[in-house]
Amino acid sequence: MTFEENLKRLEEIVQQMEQGNVPLQQSLELFEEGSKLAKACASMLDEAELKVVRLMKGADGTPVELEFEDGKDV
């Protein structure tokens, strides 16, 4: 599943559980599914972050790819 599909399903699970009318066993199953989806989303975000690079000019004026540095301005 894609990140968006995982996130949508996770939102559906949260809505079901917030209603408070789900039996205990089903709540536990939904919680387990939601935990797996949250972990999958976090993993996808981590992978995407590793792919992010910013381009800077090198000493000779040509673009140079630098690794993504969280929290630093360009």
PDB file of N, CA and C in Angstrom:
ATOM      1  N   MET A   1       0.833  -1.194   0.000  1.00  0.00           N
ATOM      2  CA  MET A   1       0.000   0.000   0.000  1.00  0.00           C
ATOM      3  C   MET A   1       0.871   1.248   0.000  1.00  0.00           C
ATOM      4  N   THR A   2       0.339   2.310  -0.564  1.00  0.00           N
ATOM      5  CA  THR A   2       1.075   3.569  -0.585  1.00  0.00           C
ATOM      6  C   THR A   2       0.962   4.266   0.772  1.00  0.00           C
ATOM      7  N   PHE A   3       1.772   5.287   0.959  1.00  0.00           N
ATOM      8  CA  PHE A   3       1.718   6.076   2.193  1.00  0.00           C
ATOM      9  C   PHE A   3       0.314   6.648   2.390  1.00  0.00           C
ATOM     10  N   GLU A   4      -0.242   7.186   1.319  1.00  0.00           N
ATOM     11  CA  GLU A   4      -1.561   7.803   1.399  1.00  0.00           C
ATOM     12  C   GLU A   4      -2.637   6.785   1.766  1.00  0.00           C
ATOM     13  N   GLU A   5      -2.558   5.583   1.194  1.00  0.00           N
ATOM     14  CA  GLU A   5      -3.519   4.529   1.516  1.00  0.00           C
ATOM     15  C   GLU A   5      -3.392   4.099   2.978  1.00  0.00           C
ATOM     16  N   ASN A   6      -2.162   3.950   3.442  1.00  0.00           N
ATOM     17  CA  ASN A   6      -1.928   3.592   4.846  1.00  0.00           C
ATOM     18  C   ASN A   6      -2.486   4.660   5.779  1.00  0.00           C
ATOM     19  N   LEU A   7      -2.241   5.911   5.450  1.00  0.00           N
ATOM     20  CA  LEU A   7      -2.701   7.016   6.283  1.00  0.00           C
ATOM     21  C   LEU A   7      -4.230   7.086   6.303  1.00  0.00           C
ATOM     22  N   LYS A   8      -4.852   6.870   5.150  1.00  0.00           N
ATOM     23  CA  LYS A   8      -6.310   6.894   5.077  1.00  0.00           C
ATOM     24  C   LYS A   8      -6.909   5.782   5.942  1.00  0.00           C
ATOM     25  N   ARG A   9      -6.352   4.581   5.851  1.00  0.00           N
ATOM     26  CA  ARG A   9      -6.851   3.472   6.661  1.00  0.00           C
ATOM     27  C   ARG A   9      -6.639   3.748   8.146  1.00  0.00           C
ATOM     28  N   LEU A  10      -5.507   4.328   8.483  1.00  0.00           N
ATOM     29  CA  LEU A  10      -5.218   4.672   9.868  1.00  0.00           C
ATOM     30  C   LEU A  10      -6.249   5.680  10.393  1.00  0.00           C
ATOM     31  N   GLU A  11      -6.597   6.654   9.583  1.00  0.00           N
ATOM     32  CA  GLU A  11      -7.616   7.632   9.969  1.00  0.00           C
ATOM     33  C   GLU A  11      -8.976   6.957  10.176  1.00  0.00           C
ATOM     34  N   GLU A  12      -9.306   5.987   9.318  1.00  0.00           N
ATOM     35  CA  GLU A  12     -10.560   5.243   9.464  1.00  0.00           C
ATOM     36  C   GLU A  12     -10.583   4.482  10.788  1.00  0.00           C
ATOM     37  N   ILE A  13      -9.466   3.874  11.134  1.00  0.00           N
ATOM     38  CA  ILE A  13      -9.367   3.123  12.384  1.00  0.00           C
ATOM     39  C   ILE A  13      -9.568   4.053  13.580  1.00  0.00           C
ATOM     40  N   VAL A  14      -8.921   5.205  13.539  1.00  0.00           N
ATOM     41  CA  VAL A  14      -9.047   6.171  14.638  1.00  0.00           C
ATOM     42  C   VAL A  14     -10.503   6.601  14.795  1.00  0.00           C
ATOM     43  N   GLN A  15     -11.169   6.882  13.679  1.00  0.00           N
ATOM     44  CA  GLN A  15     -12.576   7.293  13.747  1.00  0.00           C
ATOM     45  C   GLN A  15     -13.440   6.188  14.364  1.00  0.00           C
ATOM     46  N   GLN A  16     -13.217   4.937  13.949  1.00  0.00           N
ATOM     47  CA  GLN A  16     -13.983   3.823  14.497  1.00  0.00           C
ATOM     48  C   GLN A  16     -13.784   3.710  16.005  1.00  0.00           C
ATOM     49  N   MET A  17     -12.537   3.811  16.433  1.00  0.00           N
ATOM     50  CA  MET A  17     -12.230   3.640  17.849  1.00  0.00           C
ATOM     51  C   MET A  17     -12.720   4.819  18.681  1.00  0.00           C
ATOM     52  N   GLU A  18     -12.723   6.028  18.107  1.00  0.00           N
ATOM     53  CA  GLU A  18     -13.189   7.202  18.835  1.00  0.00           C
ATOM     54  C   GLU A  18     -14.694   7.166  19.079  1.00  0.00           C
ATOM     55  N   GLN A  19     -15.427   6.443  18.241  1.00  0.00           N
ATOM     56  CA  GLN A  19     -16.875   6.348  18.417  1.00  0.00           C
ATOM     57  C   GLN A  19     -17.231   5.609  19.698  1.00  0.00           C
ATOM     58  N   GLY A  20     -16.343   4.728  20.133  1.00  0.00           N
ATOM     59  CA  GLY A  20     -16.533   4.052  21.404  1.00  0.00           C
ATOM     60  C   GLY A  20     -17.534   2.922  21.406  1.00  0.00           C
ATOM     61  N   ASN A  21     -18.032   2.521  20.259  1.00  0.00           N
ATOM     62  CA  ASN A  21     -19.007   1.438  20.209  1.00  0.00           C
ATOM     63  C   ASN A  21     -18.466   0.155  19.586  1.00  0.00           C
ATOM     64  N   VAL A  22     -17.145   0.037  19.544  1.00  0.00           N
ATOM     65  CA  VAL A  22     -16.499  -1.148  18.983  1.00  0.00           C
ATOM     66  C   VAL A  22     -16.227  -2.134  20.126  1.00  0.00           C
ATOM     67  N   PRO A  23     -16.608  -3.406  19.928  1.00  0.00           N
ATOM     68  CA  PRO A  23     -16.344  -4.406  20.969  1.00  0.00           C
ATOM     69  C   PRO A  23     -14.846  -4.504  21.274  1.00  0.00           C
ATOM     70  N   LEU A  24     -14.528  -4.954  22.490  1.00  0.00           N
ATOM     71  CA  LEU A  24     -13.144  -5.011  22.959  1.00  0.00           C
ATOM     72  C   LEU A  24     -12.235  -5.781  21.997  1.00  0.00           C
ATOM     73  N   GLN A  25     -12.647  -6.972  21.579  1.00  0.00           N
ATOM     74  CA  GLN A  25     -11.804  -7.783  20.694  1.00  0.00           C
ATOM     75  C   GLN A  25     -11.515  -7.057  19.381  1.00  0.00           C
ATOM     76  N   GLN A  26     -12.538  -6.432  18.817  1.00  0.00           N
ATOM     77  CA  GLN A  26     -12.347  -5.690  17.575  1.00  0.00           C
ATOM     78  C   GLN A  26     -11.461  -4.467  17.814  1.00  0.00           C
ATOM     79  N   SER A  27     -11.605  -3.830  18.970  1.00  0.00           N
ATOM     80  CA  SER A  27     -10.748  -2.689  19.313  1.00  0.00           C
ATOM     81  C   SER A  27      -9.284  -3.095  19.357  1.00  0.00           C
ATOM     82  N   LEU A  28      -9.020  -4.253  19.940  1.00  0.00           N
ATOM     83  CA  LEU A  28      -7.641  -4.743  20.001  1.00  0.00           C
ATOM     84  C   LEU A  28      -7.096  -5.035  18.606  1.00  0.00           C
ATOM     85  N   GLU A  29      -7.932  -5.627  17.759  1.00  0.00           N
ATOM     86  CA  GLU A  29      -7.507  -5.912  16.383  1.00  0.00           C
ATOM     87  C   GLU A  29      -7.249  -4.621  15.619  1.00  0.00           C
ATOM     88  N   LEU A  30      -8.128  -3.640  15.795  1.00  0.00           N
ATOM     89  CA  LEU A  30      -7.941  -2.347  15.134  1.00  0.00           C
ATOM     90  C   LEU A  30      -6.686  -1.648  15.647  1.00  0.00           C
ATOM     91  N   PHE A  31      -6.446  -1.736  16.954  1.00  0.00           N
ATOM     92  CA  PHE A  31      -5.246  -1.134  17.533  1.00  0.00           C
ATOM     93  C   PHE A  31      -3.994  -1.765  16.941  1.00  0.00           C
ATOM     94  N   GLU A  32      -4.003  -3.084  16.818  1.00  0.00           N
ATOM     95  CA  GLU A  32      -2.843  -3.785  16.245  1.00  0.00           C
ATOM     96  C   GLU A  32      -2.631  -3.385  14.790  1.00  0.00           C
ATOM     97  N   GLU A  33      -3.711  -3.331  14.024  1.00  0.00           N
ATOM     98  CA  GLU A  33      -3.603  -2.919  12.621  1.00  0.00           C
ATOM     99  C   GLU A  33      -3.097  -1.481  12.531  1.00  0.00           C
ATOM    100  N   GLY A  34      -3.636  -0.613  13.380  1.00  0.00           N
ATOM    101  CA  GLY A  34      -3.213   0.784  13.382  1.00  0.00           C
ATOM    102  C   GLY A  34      -1.746   0.948  13.735  1.00  0.00           C
ATOM    103  N   SER A  35      -1.280   0.154  14.682  1.00  0.00           N
ATOM    104  CA  SER A  35       0.144   0.204  15.064  1.00  0.00           C
ATOM    105  C   SER A  35       1.032  -0.187  13.895  1.00  0.00           C
ATOM    106  N   LYS A  36       0.634  -1.216  13.170  1.00  0.00           N
ATOM    107  CA  LYS A  36       1.418  -1.644  11.995  1.00  0.00           C
ATOM    108  C   LYS A  36       1.403  -0.576  10.915  1.00  0.00           C
ATOM    109  N   LEU A  37       0.233   0.040  10.706  1.00  0.00           N
ATOM    110  CA  LEU A  37       0.135   1.098   9.700  1.00  0.00           C
ATOM    111  C   LEU A  37       0.984   2.310  10.083  1.00  0.00           C
ATOM    112  N   ALA A  38       0.957   2.686  11.353  1.00  0.00           N
ATOM    113  CA  ALA A  38       1.757   3.825  11.815  1.00  0.00           C
ATOM    114  C   ALA A  38       3.248   3.546  11.624  1.00  0.00           C
ATOM    115  N   LYS A  39       3.654   2.327  11.929  1.00  0.00           N
ATOM    116  CA  LYS A  39       5.062   1.950  11.745  1.00  0.00           C
ATOM    117  C   LYS A  39       5.443   1.993  10.265  1.00  0.00           C
ATOM    118  N   ALA A  40       4.551   1.502   9.402  1.00  0.00           N
ATOM    119  CA  ALA A  40       4.818   1.519   7.960  1.00  0.00           C
ATOM    120  C   ALA A  40       4.926   2.953   7.453  1.00  0.00           C
ATOM    121  N   CYS A  41       4.027   3.833   7.918  1.00  0.00           N
ATOM    122  CA  CYS A  41       4.074   5.242   7.503  1.00  0.00           C
ATOM    123  C   CYS A  41       5.377   5.897   7.958  1.00  0.00           C
ATOM    124  N   ALA A  42       5.782   5.638   9.193  1.00  0.00           N
ATOM    125  CA  ALA A  42       7.028   6.217   9.713  1.00  0.00           C
ATOM    126  C   ALA A  42       8.218   5.732   8.892  1.00  0.00           C
ATOM    127  N   SER A  43       8.207   4.469   8.539  1.00  0.00           N
ATOM    128  CA  SER A  43       9.295   3.907   7.735  1.00  0.00           C
ATOM    129  C   SER A  43       9.346   4.562   6.356  1.00  0.00           C
ATOM    130  N   MET A  44       8.181   4.757   5.750  1.00  0.00           N
ATOM    131  CA  MET A  44       8.129   5.403   4.432  1.00  0.00           C
ATOM    132  C   MET A  44       8.620   6.842   4.514  1.00  0.00           C
ATOM    133  N   LEU A  45       8.249   7.547   5.579  1.00  0.00           N
ATOM    134  CA  LEU A  45       8.714   8.928   5.746  1.00  0.00           C
ATOM    135  C   LEU A  45      10.228   8.980   5.946  1.00  0.00           C
ATOM    136  N   ASP A  46      10.761   8.053   6.731  1.00  0.00           N
ATOM    137  CA  ASP A  46      12.209   8.000   6.937  1.00  0.00           C
ATOM    138  C   ASP A  46      12.932   7.752   5.621  1.00  0.00           C
ATOM    139  N   GLU A  47      12.389   6.841   4.824  1.00  0.00           N
ATOM    140  CA  GLU A  47      13.004   6.530   3.528  1.00  0.00           C
ATOM    141  C   GLU A  47      12.957   7.739   2.603  1.00  0.00           C
ATOM    142  N   ALA A  48      11.831   8.439   2.604  1.00  0.00           N
ATOM    143  CA  ALA A  48      11.702   9.626   1.759  1.00  0.00           C
ATOM    144  C   ALA A  48      12.677  10.713   2.196  1.00  0.00           C
ATOM    145  N   GLU A  49      12.837  10.867   3.506  1.00  0.00           N
ATOM    146  CA  GLU A  49      13.756  11.882   4.019  1.00  0.00           C
ATOM    147  C   GLU A  49      15.189  11.612   3.575  1.00  0.00           C
ATOM    148  N   LEU A  50      15.560  10.342   3.526  1.00  0.00           N
ATOM    149  CA  LEU A  50      16.911   9.994   3.094  1.00  0.00           C
ATOM    150  C   LEU A  50      17.150  10.342   1.630  1.00  0.00           C
ATOM    151  N   LYS A  51      16.076  10.376   0.843  1.00  0.00           N
ATOM    152  CA  LYS A  51      16.208  10.671  -0.585  1.00  0.00           C
ATOM    153  C   LYS A  51      16.249  12.165  -0.882  1.00  0.00           C
ATOM    154  N   VAL A  52      15.852  12.950   0.108  1.00  0.00           N
ATOM    155  CA  VAL A  52      15.795  14.393  -0.111  1.00  0.00           C
ATOM    156  C   VAL A  52      17.217  14.960  -0.114  1.00  0.00           C
ATOM    157  N   VAL A  53      17.513  15.708  -1.139  1.00  0.00           N
ATOM    158  CA  VAL A  53      18.812  16.388  -1.214  1.00  0.00           C
ATOM    159  C   VAL A  53      18.564  17.838  -1.617  1.00  0.00           C
ATOM    160  N   ARG A  54      19.480  18.659  -1.292  1.00  0.00           N
ATOM    161  CA  ARG A  54      19.374  20.039  -1.755  1.00  0.00           C
ATOM    162  C   ARG A  54      20.571  20.335  -2.651  1.00  0.00           C
ATOM    163  N   LEU A  55      20.368  21.206  -3.601  1.00  0.00           N
ATOM    164  CA  LEU A  55      21.424  21.554  -4.537  1.00  0.00           C
ATOM    165  C   LEU A  55      22.071  22.871  -4.118  1.00  0.00           C
ATOM    166  N   MET A  56      23.370  22.870  -4.107  1.00  0.00           N
ATOM    167  CA  MET A  56      24.138  24.070  -3.800  1.00  0.00           C
ATOM    168  C   MET A  56      25.156  24.261  -4.925  1.00  0.00           C
ATOM    169  N   LYS A  57      25.665  25.467  -5.034  1.00  0.00           N
ATOM    170  CA  LYS A  57      26.709  25.722  -6.012  1.00  0.00           C
ATOM    171  C   LYS A  57      28.045  25.319  -5.420  1.00  0.00           C
ATOM    172  N   GLY A  58      28.793  24.581  -6.213  1.00  0.00           N
ATOM    173  CA  GLY A  58      30.131  24.203  -5.804  1.00  0.00           C
ATOM    174  C   GLY A  58      31.101  25.340  -6.043  1.00  0.00           C
ATOM    175  N   ALA A  59      32.358  25.123  -5.723  1.00  0.00           N
ATOM    176  CA  ALA A  59      33.393  26.158  -5.874  1.00  0.00           C
ATOM    177  C   ALA A  59      33.501  26.643  -7.315  1.00  0.00           C
ATOM    178  N   ASP A  60      33.244  25.742  -8.277  1.00  0.00           N
ATOM    179  CA  ASP A  60      33.353  26.127  -9.684  1.00  0.00           C
ATOM    180  C   ASP A  60      32.014  26.601 -10.261  1.00  0.00           C
ATOM    181  N   GLY A  61      30.980  26.741  -9.424  1.00  0.00           N
ATOM    182  CA  GLY A  61      29.692  27.248  -9.874  1.00  0.00           C
ATOM    183  C   GLY A  61      28.711  26.187 -10.337  1.00  0.00           C
ATOM    184  N   THR A  62      29.169  24.944 -10.423  1.00  0.00           N
ATOM    185  CA  THR A  62      28.264  23.869 -10.847  1.00  0.00           C
ATOM    186  C   THR A  62      27.457  23.363  -9.648  1.00  0.00           C
ATOM    187  N   PRO A  63      26.251  22.856  -9.913  1.00  0.00           N
ATOM    188  CA  PRO A  63      25.426  22.342  -8.806  1.00  0.00           C
ATOM    189  C   PRO A  63      26.063  21.124  -8.139  1.00  0.00           C
ATOM    190  N   VAL A  64      25.970  21.091  -6.829  1.00  0.00           N
ATOM    191  CA  VAL A  64      26.498  19.983  -6.042  1.00  0.00           C
ATOM    192  C   VAL A  64      25.367  19.481  -5.143  1.00  0.00           C
ATOM    193  N   GLU A  65      25.144  18.165  -5.136  1.00  0.00           N
ATOM    194  CA  GLU A  65      24.115  17.607  -4.272  1.00  0.00           C
ATOM    195  C   GLU A  65      24.673  17.420  -2.872  1.00  0.00           C
ATOM    196  N   LEU A  66      23.931  17.916  -1.886  1.00  0.00           N
ATOM    197  CA  LEU A  66      24.300  17.733  -0.491  1.00  0.00           C
ATOM    198  C   LEU A  66      23.201  16.952   0.196  1.00  0.00           C
ATOM    199  N   GLU A  67      23.568  16.167   1.181  1.00  0.00           N
ATOM    200  CA  GLU A  67      22.557  15.415   1.917  1.00  0.00           C
ATOM    201  C   GLU A  67      21.635  16.367   2.655  1.00  0.00           C
ATOM    202  N   PHE A  68      20.403  15.926   2.842  1.00  0.00           N
ATOM    203  CA  PHE A  68      19.406  16.689   3.561  1.00  0.00           C
ATOM    204  C   PHE A  68      19.868  16.886   5.006  1.00  0.00           C
ATOM    205  N   GLU A  69      19.804  18.128   5.468  1.00  0.00           N
ATOM    206  CA  GLU A  69      20.168  18.430   6.850  1.00  0.00           C
ATOM    207  C   GLU A  69      18.953  19.028   7.522  1.00  0.00           C
ATOM    208  N   ASP A  70      18.376  18.299   8.420  1.00  0.00           N
ATOM    209  CA  ASP A  70      17.152  18.724   9.105  1.00  0.00           C
ATOM    210  C   ASP A  70      17.391  19.999   9.906  1.00  0.00           C
ATOM    211  N   GLY A  71      16.491  20.948   9.746  1.00  0.00           N
ATOM    212  CA  GLY A  71      16.535  22.152  10.563  1.00  0.00           C
ATOM    213  C   GLY A  71      17.470  23.242  10.081  1.00  0.00           C
ATOM    214  N   LYS A  72      18.127  23.045   8.964  1.00  0.00           N
ATOM    215  CA  LYS A  72      19.035  24.092   8.471  1.00  0.00           C
ATOM    216  C   LYS A  72      18.428  24.774   7.266  1.00  0.00           C
ATOM    217  N   ASP A  73      18.573  26.072   7.198  1.00  0.00           N
ATOM    218  CA  ASP A  73      18.074  26.840   6.064  1.00  0.00           C
ATOM    219  C   ASP A  73      19.032  26.737   4.910  1.00  0.00           C
ATOM    220  N   VAL A  74      18.490  26.935   3.725  1.00  0.00           N
ATOM    221  CA  VAL A  74      19.309  26.879   2.503  1.00  0.00           C
ATOM    222  C   VAL A  74      20.043  28.166   2.326  1.00  0.00           C
TER     223      VAL A  74
END
